């Protein structure tokens, strides 16, 4: 019902891209990136590749100021990120019909 990608990489093997190369999948996704991640360049568009969120319709993108990790509880935006992920999960699993907020 929902995929959550934490520090996802772009697809680097053309044989695996398949139909995602021309048509975004209608599957809901959440993508969480750390702006200080040493792999951020490779996650976003390594060697001219398509960023991972572009393979899906209406992806939710969340960023934090740390590196290749989940956001630490002490960061100001951590609570908002975790609450948004939980809200997306509740909505996609049918536990909350209102839907998640549109900002993180």
PDB file of N, CA and C in Angstrom:
ATOM      1  N   UNK A   1       0.799  -1.206   0.000  1.00  0.00           N
ATOM      2  CA  UNK A   1       0.000   0.000   0.000  1.00  0.00           C
ATOM      3  C   UNK A   1       0.838   1.265   0.000  1.00  0.00           C
ATOM      4  N   UNK A   2       2.052   1.182   0.529  1.00  0.00           N
ATOM      5  CA  UNK A   2       2.939   2.341   0.621  1.00  0.00           C
ATOM      6  C   UNK A   2       4.370   1.836   0.734  1.00  0.00           C
ATOM      7  N   UNK A   3       5.274   2.475   0.021  1.00  0.00           N
ATOM      8  CA  UNK A   3       6.701   2.178   0.179  1.00  0.00           C
ATOM      9  C   UNK A   3       7.379   3.391   0.783  1.00  0.00           C
ATOM     10  N   UNK A   4       8.236   3.150   1.758  1.00  0.00           N
ATOM     11  CA  UNK A   4       9.003   4.213   2.399  1.00  0.00           C
ATOM     12  C   UNK A   4      10.460   3.952   2.084  1.00  0.00           C
ATOM     13  N   UNK A   5      11.095   4.913   1.431  1.00  0.00           N
ATOM     14  CA  UNK A   5      12.492   4.784   1.041  1.00  0.00           C
ATOM     15  C   UNK A   5      13.332   5.711   1.913  1.00  0.00           C
ATOM     16  N   UNK A   6      14.295   5.140   2.621  1.00  0.00           N
ATOM     17  CA  UNK A   6      15.192   5.909   3.472  1.00  0.00           C
ATOM     18  C   UNK A   6      16.549   5.959   2.792  1.00  0.00           C
ATOM     19  N   UNK A   7      16.956   7.152   2.363  1.00  0.00           N
ATOM     20  CA  UNK A   7      18.203   7.350   1.629  1.00  0.00           C
ATOM     21  C   UNK A   7      18.262   6.462   0.383  1.00  0.00           C
ATOM     22  N   UNK A   8      17.233   6.513  -0.460  1.00  0.00           N
ATOM     23  CA  UNK A   8      17.204   5.626  -1.635  1.00  0.00           C
ATOM     24  C   UNK A   8      18.199   6.044  -2.710  1.00  0.00           C
ATOM     25  N   UNK A   9      18.637   5.069  -3.453  1.00  0.00           N
ATOM     26  CA  UNK A   9      19.509   5.315  -4.605  1.00  0.00           C
ATOM     27  C   UNK A   9      18.685   5.283  -5.885  1.00  0.00           C
ATOM     28  N   UNK A  10      19.184   5.931  -6.914  1.00  0.00           N
ATOM     29  CA  UNK A  10      18.542   5.839  -8.218  1.00  0.00           C
ATOM     30  C   UNK A  10      18.830   4.437  -8.796  1.00  0.00           C
ATOM     31  N   UNK A  11      18.013   4.017  -9.747  1.00  0.00           N
ATOM     32  CA  UNK A  11      18.238   2.720 -10.385  1.00  0.00           C
ATOM     33  C   UNK A  11      19.402   2.882 -11.360  1.00  0.00           C
ATOM     34  N   UNK A  12      20.446   2.109 -11.170  1.00  0.00           N
ATOM     35  CA  UNK A  12      21.656   2.272 -11.980  1.00  0.00           C
ATOM     36  C   UNK A  12      21.799   1.234 -13.077  1.00  0.00           C
ATOM     37  N   UNK A  13      20.926   0.266 -13.123  1.00  0.00           N
ATOM     38  CA  UNK A  13      20.995  -0.785 -14.129  1.00  0.00           C
ATOM     39  C   UNK A  13      19.808  -0.628 -15.083  1.00  0.00           C
ATOM     40  N   UNK A  14      20.089  -0.267 -16.328  1.00  0.00           N
ATOM     41  CA  UNK A  14      19.028  -0.049 -17.305  1.00  0.00           C
ATOM     42  C   UNK A  14      18.127  -1.273 -17.481  1.00  0.00           C
ATOM     43  N   UNK A  15      18.665  -2.459 -17.279  1.00  0.00           N
ATOM     44  CA  UNK A  15      17.858  -3.673 -17.426  1.00  0.00           C
ATOM     45  C   UNK A  15      16.783  -3.777 -16.349  1.00  0.00           C
ATOM     46  N   UNK A  16      16.944  -3.052 -15.236  1.00  0.00           N
ATOM     47  CA  UNK A  16      15.984  -3.114 -14.143  1.00  0.00           C
ATOM     48  C   UNK A  16      14.954  -1.989 -14.164  1.00  0.00           C
ATOM     49  N   UNK A  17      15.176  -0.989 -14.975  1.00  0.00           N
ATOM     50  CA  UNK A  17      14.266   0.163 -15.000  1.00  0.00           C
ATOM     51  C   UNK A  17      12.916  -0.213 -15.607  1.00  0.00           C
ATOM     52  N   UNK A  18      12.941  -0.969 -16.689  1.00  0.00           N
ATOM     53  CA  UNK A  18      11.712  -1.438 -17.325  1.00  0.00           C
ATOM     54  C   UNK A  18      10.720  -0.332 -17.624  1.00  0.00           C
ATOM     55  N   UNK A  19       9.438  -0.565 -17.332  1.00  0.00           N
ATOM     56  CA  UNK A  19       8.407   0.415 -17.668  1.00  0.00           C
ATOM     57  C   UNK A  19       8.502   1.713 -16.866  1.00  0.00           C
ATOM     58  N   UNK A  20       9.261   1.715 -15.763  1.00  0.00           N
ATOM     59  CA  UNK A  20       9.401   2.940 -14.980  1.00  0.00           C
ATOM     60  C   UNK A  20      10.136   4.031 -15.756  1.00  0.00           C
ATOM     61  N   UNK A  21      10.851   3.656 -16.793  1.00  0.00           N
ATOM     62  CA  UNK A  21      11.594   4.631 -17.594  1.00  0.00           C
ATOM     63  C   UNK A  21      10.661   5.550 -18.364  1.00  0.00           C
ATOM     64  N   UNK A  22       9.468   5.099 -18.667  1.00  0.00           N
ATOM     65  CA  UNK A  22       8.549   5.914 -19.475  1.00  0.00           C
ATOM     66  C   UNK A  22       7.274   6.307 -18.745  1.00  0.00           C
ATOM     67  N   UNK A  23       6.853   5.522 -17.761  1.00  0.00           N
ATOM     68  CA  UNK A  23       5.600   5.797 -17.061  1.00  0.00           C
ATOM     69  C   UNK A  23       5.793   5.653 -15.559  1.00  0.00           C
ATOM     70  N   UNK A  24       5.594   6.726 -14.799  1.00  0.00           N
ATOM     71  CA  UNK A  24       5.719   6.605 -13.344  1.00  0.00           C
ATOM     72  C   UNK A  24       4.688   5.625 -12.777  1.00  0.00           C
ATOM     73  N   UNK A  25       5.103   4.872 -11.789  1.00  0.00           N
ATOM     74  CA  UNK A  25       4.212   3.900 -11.142  1.00  0.00           C
ATOM     75  C   UNK A  25       3.196   4.632 -10.274  1.00  0.00           C
ATOM     76  N   UNK A  26       1.940   4.184 -10.284  1.00  0.00           N
ATOM     77  CA  UNK A  26       0.906   4.823  -9.461  1.00  0.00           C
ATOM     78  C   UNK A  26       0.914   4.301  -8.022  1.00  0.00           C
ATOM     79  N   UNK A  27       2.081   4.009  -7.497  1.00  0.00           N
ATOM     80  CA  UNK A  27       2.228   3.465  -6.147  1.00  0.00           C
ATOM     81  C   UNK A  27       2.686   4.586  -5.217  1.00  0.00           C
ATOM     82  N   UNK A  28       2.028   4.788  -4.062  1.00  0.00           N
ATOM     83  CA  UNK A  28       2.432   5.863  -3.155  1.00  0.00           C
ATOM     84  C   UNK A  28       3.784   5.577  -2.489  1.00  0.00           C
ATOM     85  N   UNK A  29       4.599   6.613  -2.405  1.00  0.00           N
ATOM     86  CA  UNK A  29       5.928   6.474  -1.818  1.00  0.00           C
ATOM     87  C   UNK A  29       6.287   7.681  -0.963  1.00  0.00           C
ATOM     88  N   UNK A  30       7.160   7.444   0.012  1.00  0.00           N
ATOM     89  CA  UNK A  30       7.770   8.486   0.824  1.00  0.00           C
ATOM     90  C   UNK A  30       9.275   8.295   0.690  1.00  0.00           C
ATOM     91  N   UNK A  31       9.998   9.379   0.410  1.00  0.00           N
ATOM     92  CA  UNK A  31      11.453   9.338   0.238  1.00  0.00           C
ATOM     93  C   UNK A  31      12.076  10.276   1.267  1.00  0.00           C
ATOM     94  N   UNK A  32      12.975   9.752   2.100  1.00  0.00           N
ATOM     95  CA  UNK A  32      13.620  10.552   3.138  1.00  0.00           C
ATOM     96  C   UNK A  32      15.107  10.657   2.824  1.00  0.00           C
ATOM     97  N   UNK A  33      15.596  11.882   2.725  1.00  0.00           N
ATOM     98  CA  UNK A  33      16.998  12.156   2.404  1.00  0.00           C
ATOM     99  C   UNK A  33      17.641  13.004   3.490  1.00  0.00           C
ATOM    100  N   UNK A  34      18.929  12.784   3.743  1.00  0.00           N
ATOM    101  CA  UNK A  34      19.717  13.652   4.617  1.00  0.00           C
ATOM    102  C   UNK A  34      20.556  14.578   3.762  1.00  0.00           C
ATOM    103  N   UNK A  35      20.437  15.877   3.974  1.00  0.00           N
ATOM    104  CA  UNK A  35      21.188  16.844   3.154  1.00  0.00           C
ATOM    105  C   UNK A  35      22.701  16.726   3.338  1.00  0.00           C
ATOM    106  N   UNK A  36      23.155  16.196   4.485  1.00  0.00           N
ATOM    107  CA  UNK A  36      24.588  16.032   4.723  1.00  0.00           C
ATOM    108  C   UNK A  36      25.062  14.605   4.404  1.00  0.00           C
ATOM    109  N   UNK A  37      24.227  13.831   3.754  1.00  0.00           N
ATOM    110  CA  UNK A  37      24.582  12.443   3.408  1.00  0.00           C
ATOM    111  C   UNK A  37      25.711  12.439   2.388  1.00  0.00           C
ATOM    112  N   UNK A  38      26.772  11.689   2.690  1.00  0.00           N
ATOM    113  CA  UNK A  38      27.909  11.627   1.763  1.00  0.00           C
ATOM    114  C   UNK A  38      27.530  10.956   0.447  1.00  0.00           C
ATOM    115  N   UNK A  39      26.401  10.265   0.416  1.00  0.00           N
ATOM    116  CA  UNK A  39      25.936   9.602  -0.803  1.00  0.00           C
ATOM    117  C   UNK A  39      24.821  10.380  -1.522  1.00  0.00           C
ATOM    118  N   UNK A  40      24.544  11.577  -1.068  1.00  0.00           N
ATOM    119  CA  UNK A  40      23.408  12.332  -1.613  1.00  0.00           C
ATOM    120  C   UNK A  40      23.481  12.505  -3.129  1.00  0.00           C
ATOM    121  N   UNK A  41      24.646  12.803  -3.660  1.00  0.00           N
ATOM    122  CA  UNK A  41      24.782  12.952  -5.117  1.00  0.00           C
ATOM    123  C   UNK A  41      24.355  11.674  -5.829  1.00  0.00           C
ATOM    124  N   UNK A  42      24.792  10.534  -5.327  1.00  0.00           N
ATOM    125  CA  UNK A  42      24.459   9.254  -5.961  1.00  0.00           C
ATOM    126  C   UNK A  42      22.989   8.889  -5.770  1.00  0.00           C
ATOM    127  N   UNK A  43      22.407   9.341  -4.668  1.00  0.00           N
ATOM    128  CA  UNK A  43      20.987   9.091  -4.422  1.00  0.00           C
ATOM    129  C   UNK A  43      20.111   9.912  -5.368  1.00  0.00           C
ATOM    130  N   UNK A  44      20.523  11.091  -5.669  1.00  0.00           N
ATOM    131  CA  UNK A  44      19.687  12.017  -6.411  1.00  0.00           C
ATOM    132  C   UNK A  44      19.791  11.847  -7.921  1.00  0.00           C
ATOM    133  N   UNK A  45      20.996  11.726  -8.450  1.00  0.00           N
ATOM    134  CA  UNK A  45      21.124  11.654  -9.907  1.00  0.00           C
ATOM    135  C   UNK A  45      22.520  11.199 -10.329  1.00  0.00           C
ATOM    136  N   UNK A  46      22.988  10.126  -9.765  1.00  0.00           N
ATOM    137  CA  UNK A  46      24.328   9.643 -10.077  1.00  0.00           C
ATOM    138  C   UNK A  46      24.498   9.393 -11.568  1.00  0.00           C
ATOM    139  N   UNK A  47      25.564   9.921 -12.105  1.00  0.00           N
ATOM    140  CA  UNK A  47      25.927   9.699 -13.508  1.00  0.00           C
ATOM    141  C   UNK A  47      24.765   9.954 -14.461  1.00  0.00           C
ATOM    142  N   UNK A  48      24.000  10.997 -14.191  1.00  0.00           N
ATOM    143  CA  UNK A  48      22.899  11.362 -15.079  1.00  0.00           C
ATOM    144  C   UNK A  48      21.661  10.498 -14.937  1.00  0.00           C
ATOM    145  N   UNK A  49      21.570   9.693 -13.899  1.00  0.00           N
ATOM    146  CA  UNK A  49      20.419   8.810 -13.681  1.00  0.00           C
ATOM    147  C   UNK A  49      19.212   9.606 -13.176  1.00  0.00           C
ATOM    148  N   UNK A  50      18.060   8.990 -13.272  1.00  0.00           N
ATOM    149  CA  UNK A  50      16.813   9.596 -12.822  1.00  0.00           C
ATOM    150  C   UNK A  50      16.717   9.492 -11.297  1.00  0.00           C
ATOM    151  N   UNK A  51      16.390  10.590 -10.608  1.00  0.00           N
ATOM    152  CA  UNK A  51      16.208  10.508  -9.154  1.00  0.00           C
ATOM    153  C   UNK A  51      15.105   9.495  -8.809  1.00  0.00           C
ATOM    154  N   UNK A  52      15.247   8.766  -7.712  1.00  0.00           N
ATOM    155  CA  UNK A  52      14.319   7.681  -7.402  1.00  0.00           C
ATOM    156  C   UNK A  52      12.853   8.092  -7.307  1.00  0.00           C
ATOM    157  N   UNK A  53      12.577   9.274  -6.829  1.00  0.00           N
ATOM    158  CA  UNK A  53      11.171   9.680  -6.685  1.00  0.00           C
ATOM    159  C   UNK A  53      10.470   9.901  -8.025  1.00  0.00           C
ATOM    160  N   UNK A  54      11.232  10.107  -9.086  1.00  0.00           N
ATOM    161  CA  UNK A  54      10.620  10.342 -10.398  1.00  0.00           C
ATOM    162  C   UNK A  54      10.048   9.072 -11.026  1.00  0.00           C
ATOM    163  N   UNK A  55      10.272   7.934 -10.405  1.00  0.00           N
ATOM    164  CA  UNK A  55       9.695   6.680 -10.899  1.00  0.00           C
ATOM    165  C   UNK A  55       8.267   6.466 -10.377  1.00  0.00           C
ATOM    166  N   UNK A  56       7.782   7.390  -9.541  1.00  0.00           N
ATOM    167  CA  UNK A  56       6.468   7.234  -8.909  1.00  0.00           C
ATOM    168  C   UNK A  56       5.624   8.493  -9.086  1.00  0.00           C
ATOM    169  N   UNK A  57       4.313   8.310  -9.139  1.00  0.00           N
ATOM    170  CA  UNK A  57       3.387   9.439  -9.192  1.00  0.00           C
ATOM    171  C   UNK A  57       3.265  10.047  -7.792  1.00  0.00           C
ATOM    172  N   UNK A  58       3.296  11.342  -7.714  1.00  0.00           N
ATOM    173  CA  UNK A  58       3.071  12.101  -6.472  1.00  0.00           C
ATOM    174  C   UNK A  58       3.863  11.592  -5.267  1.00  0.00           C
ATOM    175  N   UNK A  59       5.182  11.484  -5.380  1.00  0.00           N
ATOM    176  CA  UNK A  59       5.969  11.040  -4.225  1.00  0.00           C
ATOM    177  C   UNK A  59       6.004  12.114  -3.138  1.00  0.00           C
ATOM    178  N   UNK A  60       6.171  11.695  -1.908  1.00  0.00           N
ATOM    179  CA  UNK A  60       6.354  12.618  -0.790  1.00  0.00           C
ATOM    180  C   UNK A  60       7.845  12.654  -0.497  1.00  0.00           C
ATOM    181  N   UNK A  61       8.451  13.835  -0.561  1.00  0.00           N
ATOM    182  CA  UNK A  61       9.884  13.996  -0.304  1.00  0.00           C
ATOM    183  C   UNK A  61      10.083  14.692   1.032  1.00  0.00           C
ATOM    184  N   UNK A  62      10.905  14.096   1.889  1.00  0.00           N
ATOM    185  CA  UNK A  62      11.221  14.664   3.195  1.00  0.00           C
ATOM    186  C   UNK A  62      12.731  14.731   3.341  1.00  0.00           C
ATOM    187  N   UNK A  63      13.223  15.840   3.879  1.00  0.00           N
ATOM    188  CA  UNK A  63      14.664  16.015   4.060  1.00  0.00           C
ATOM    189  C   UNK A  63      14.971  16.400   5.496  1.00  0.00           C
ATOM    190  N   UNK A  64      16.150  15.988   5.947  1.00  0.00           N
ATOM    191  CA  UNK A  64      16.652  16.413   7.248  1.00  0.00           C
ATOM    192  C   UNK A  64      18.096  16.870   7.062  1.00  0.00           C
ATOM    193  N   UNK A  65      18.662  17.482   8.076  1.00  0.00           N
ATOM    194  CA  UNK A  65      19.985  18.082   7.954  1.00  0.00           C
ATOM    195  C   UNK A  65      21.144  17.174   8.274  1.00  0.00           C
ATOM    196  N   UNK A  66      20.893  15.899   8.501  1.00  0.00           N
ATOM    197  CA  UNK A  66      21.973  14.990   8.870  1.00  0.00           C
ATOM    198  C   UNK A  66      22.458  14.186   7.673  1.00  0.00           C
ATOM    199  N   UNK A  67      23.251  13.166   7.960  1.00  0.00           N
ATOM    200  CA  UNK A  67      23.850  12.350   6.921  1.00  0.00           C
ATOM    201  C   UNK A  67      23.039  11.118   6.572  1.00  0.00           C
ATOM    202  N   UNK A  68      23.748  10.011   6.329  1.00  0.00           N
ATOM    203  CA  UNK A  68      23.163   8.757   5.869  1.00  0.00           C
ATOM    204  C   UNK A  68      22.574   8.004   7.067  1.00  0.00           C
ATOM    205  N   UNK A  69      21.457   8.504   7.560  1.00  0.00           N
ATOM    206  CA  UNK A  69      20.824   7.945   8.748  1.00  0.00           C
ATOM    207  C   UNK A  69      19.401   8.481   8.860  1.00  0.00           C
ATOM    208  N   UNK A  70      18.649   7.882   9.773  1.00  0.00           N
ATOM    209  CA  UNK A  70      17.340   8.451  10.092  1.00  0.00           C
ATOM    210  C   UNK A  70      17.571   9.735  10.869  1.00  0.00           C
ATOM    211  N   UNK A  71      16.659  10.683  10.780  1.00  0.00           N
ATOM    212  CA  UNK A  71      16.869  11.924  11.526  1.00  0.00           C
ATOM    213  C   UNK A  71      16.876  11.676  13.035  1.00  0.00           C
ATOM    214  N   UNK A  72      17.843  12.274  13.723  1.00  0.00           N
ATOM    215  CA  UNK A  72      17.966  12.132  15.174  1.00  0.00           C
ATOM    216  C   UNK A  72      16.797  12.815  15.873  1.00  0.00           C
ATOM    217  N   UNK A  73      16.365  12.266  16.989  1.00  0.00           N
ATOM    218  CA  UNK A  73      15.236  12.860  17.718  1.00  0.00           C
ATOM    219  C   UNK A  73      15.460  14.313  18.118  1.00  0.00           C
ATOM    220  N   UNK A  74      16.703  14.743  18.282  1.00  0.00           N
ATOM    221  CA  UNK A  74      16.977  16.114  18.707  1.00  0.00           C
ATOM    222  C   UNK A  74      16.846  17.172  17.621  1.00  0.00           C
ATOM    223  N   UNK A  75      16.752  16.789  16.369  1.00  0.00           N
ATOM    224  CA  UNK A  75      16.637  17.773  15.296  1.00  0.00           C
ATOM    225  C   UNK A  75      15.257  18.423  15.298  1.00  0.00           C
ATOM    226  N   UNK A  76      15.192  19.720  14.982  1.00  0.00           N
ATOM    227  CA  UNK A  76      13.892  20.406  14.976  1.00  0.00           C
ATOM    228  C   UNK A  76      12.861  19.768  14.036  1.00  0.00           C
ATOM    229  N   UNK A  77      13.283  19.273  12.872  1.00  0.00           N
ATOM    230  CA  UNK A  77      12.328  18.721  11.906  1.00  0.00           C
ATOM    231  C   UNK A  77      12.061  17.229  12.094  1.00  0.00           C
ATOM    232  N   UNK A  78      12.751  16.570  13.032  1.00  0.00           N
ATOM    233  CA  UNK A  78      12.590  15.127  13.219  1.00  0.00           C
ATOM    234  C   UNK A  78      11.153  14.738  13.532  1.00  0.00           C
ATOM    235  N   UNK A  79      10.547  15.418  14.471  1.00  0.00           N
ATOM    236  CA  UNK A  79       9.175  15.078  14.858  1.00  0.00           C
ATOM    237  C   UNK A  79       8.233  15.201  13.662  1.00  0.00           C
ATOM    238  N   UNK A  80       8.375  16.264  12.893  1.00  0.00           N
ATOM    239  CA  UNK A  80       7.505  16.460  11.724  1.00  0.00           C
ATOM    240  C   UNK A  80       7.717  15.349  10.687  1.00  0.00           C
ATOM    241  N   UNK A  81       8.962  14.925  10.493  1.00  0.00           N
ATOM    242  CA  UNK A  81       9.251  13.866   9.523  1.00  0.00           C
ATOM    243  C   UNK A  81       8.615  12.556   9.971  1.00  0.00           C
ATOM    244  N   UNK A  82       8.842  12.174  11.226  1.00  0.00           N
ATOM    245  CA  UNK A  82       8.268  10.913  11.716  1.00  0.00           C
ATOM    246  C   UNK A  82       6.744  10.961  11.752  1.00  0.00           C
ATOM    247  N   UNK A  83       6.178  12.106  12.120  1.00  0.00           N
ATOM    248  CA  UNK A  83       4.715  12.231  12.126  1.00  0.00           C
ATOM    249  C   UNK A  83       4.150  12.128  10.713  1.00  0.00           C
ATOM    250  N   UNK A  84       4.845  12.710   9.739  1.00  0.00           N
ATOM    251  CA  UNK A  84       4.365  12.628   8.355  1.00  0.00           C
ATOM    252  C   UNK A  84       4.419  11.188   7.845  1.00  0.00           C
ATOM    253  N   UNK A  85       5.497  10.465   8.143  1.00  0.00           N
ATOM    254  CA  UNK A  85       5.597   9.062   7.735  1.00  0.00           C
ATOM    255  C   UNK A  85       4.453   8.265   8.371  1.00  0.00           C
ATOM    256  N   UNK A  86       4.223   8.460   9.658  1.00  0.00           N
ATOM    257  CA  UNK A  86       3.151   7.740  10.349  1.00  0.00           C
ATOM    258  C   UNK A  86       1.786   8.096   9.766  1.00  0.00           C
ATOM    259  N   UNK A  87       1.569   9.373   9.441  1.00  0.00           N
ATOM    260  CA  UNK A  87       0.292   9.797   8.860  1.00  0.00           C
ATOM    261  C   UNK A  87       0.074   9.161   7.489  1.00  0.00           C
ATOM    262  N   UNK A  88       1.127   9.090   6.681  1.00  0.00           N
ATOM    263  CA  UNK A  88       1.021   8.434   5.368  1.00  0.00           C
ATOM    264  C   UNK A  88       0.664   6.953   5.542  1.00  0.00           C
ATOM    265  N   UNK A  89       1.295   6.302   6.502  1.00  0.00           N
ATOM    266  CA  UNK A  89       1.023   4.887   6.756  1.00  0.00           C
ATOM    267  C   UNK A  89      -0.427   4.683   7.199  1.00  0.00           C
ATOM    268  N   UNK A  90      -0.891   5.505   8.138  1.00  0.00           N
ATOM    269  CA  UNK A  90      -2.280   5.376   8.612  1.00  0.00           C
ATOM    270  C   UNK A  90      -3.268   5.593   7.471  1.00  0.00           C
ATOM    271  N   UNK A  91      -3.015   6.589   6.642  1.00  0.00           N
ATOM    272  CA  UNK A  91      -3.913   6.895   5.527  1.00  0.00           C
ATOM    273  C   UNK A  91      -3.925   5.755   4.509  1.00  0.00           C
ATOM    274  N   UNK A  92      -2.767   5.295   4.100  1.00  0.00           N
ATOM    275  CA  UNK A  92      -2.667   4.253   3.065  1.00  0.00           C
ATOM    276  C   UNK A  92      -3.179   2.892   3.544  1.00  0.00           C
ATOM    277  N   UNK A  93      -3.175   2.674   4.863  1.00  0.00           N
ATOM    278  CA  UNK A  93      -3.693   1.417   5.414  1.00  0.00           C
ATOM    279  C   UNK A  93      -5.163   1.524   5.801  1.00  0.00           C
ATOM    280  N   UNK A  94      -5.794   2.673   5.525  1.00  0.00           N
ATOM    281  CA  UNK A  94      -7.215   2.838   5.797  1.00  0.00           C
ATOM    282  C   UNK A  94      -7.558   3.137   7.237  1.00  0.00           C
ATOM    283  N   UNK A  95      -6.587   3.552   8.038  1.00  0.00           N
ATOM    284  CA  UNK A  95      -6.842   3.853   9.445  1.00  0.00           C
ATOM    285  C   UNK A  95      -7.225   5.309   9.682  1.00  0.00           C
ATOM    286  N   UNK A  96      -6.996   6.159   8.713  1.00  0.00           N
ATOM    287  CA  UNK A  96      -7.336   7.586   8.827  1.00  0.00           C
ATOM    288  C   UNK A  96      -7.783   8.064   7.450  1.00  0.00           C
ATOM    289  N   UNK A  97      -9.050   8.328   7.288  1.00  0.00           N
ATOM    290  CA  UNK A  97      -9.615   8.722   5.985  1.00  0.00           C
ATOM    291  C   UNK A  97      -9.341  10.179   5.616  1.00  0.00           C
ATOM    292  N   UNK A  98      -8.914  10.983   6.579  1.00  0.00           N
ATOM    293  CA  UNK A  98      -8.676  12.402   6.303  1.00  0.00           C
ATOM    294  C   UNK A  98      -7.456  12.629   5.424  1.00  0.00           C
ATOM    295  N   UNK A  99      -6.512  11.751   5.515  1.00  0.00           N
ATOM    296  CA  UNK A  99      -5.280  11.912   4.745  1.00  0.00           C
ATOM    297  C   UNK A  99      -4.258  12.699   5.525  1.00  0.00           C
ATOM    298  N   UNK A 100      -2.997  12.567   5.142  1.00  0.00           N
ATOM    299  CA  UNK A 100      -1.914  13.253   5.849  1.00  0.00           C
ATOM    300  C   UNK A 100      -1.878  14.733   5.492  1.00  0.00           C
ATOM    301  N   UNK A 101      -1.191  15.526   6.322  1.00  0.00           N
ATOM    302  CA  UNK A 101      -1.010  16.936   5.964  1.00  0.00           C
ATOM    303  C   UNK A 101      -0.153  17.061   4.714  1.00  0.00           C
ATOM    304  N   UNK A 102      -0.238  18.112   4.006  1.00  0.00           N
ATOM    305  CA  UNK A 102       0.511  18.273   2.747  1.00  0.00           C
ATOM    306  C   UNK A 102       1.925  18.811   2.959  1.00  0.00           C
ATOM    307  N   UNK A 103       2.326  19.140   4.155  1.00  0.00           N
ATOM    308  CA  UNK A 103       3.690  19.599   4.418  1.00  0.00           C
ATOM    309  C   UNK A 103       4.273  18.791   5.559  1.00  0.00           C
ATOM    310  N   UNK A 104       5.606  18.750   5.618  1.00  0.00           N
ATOM    311  CA  UNK A 104       6.277  17.997   6.696  1.00  0.00           C
ATOM    312  C   UNK A 104       6.956  18.940   7.650  1.00  0.00           C
TER     313      UNK A 104
END
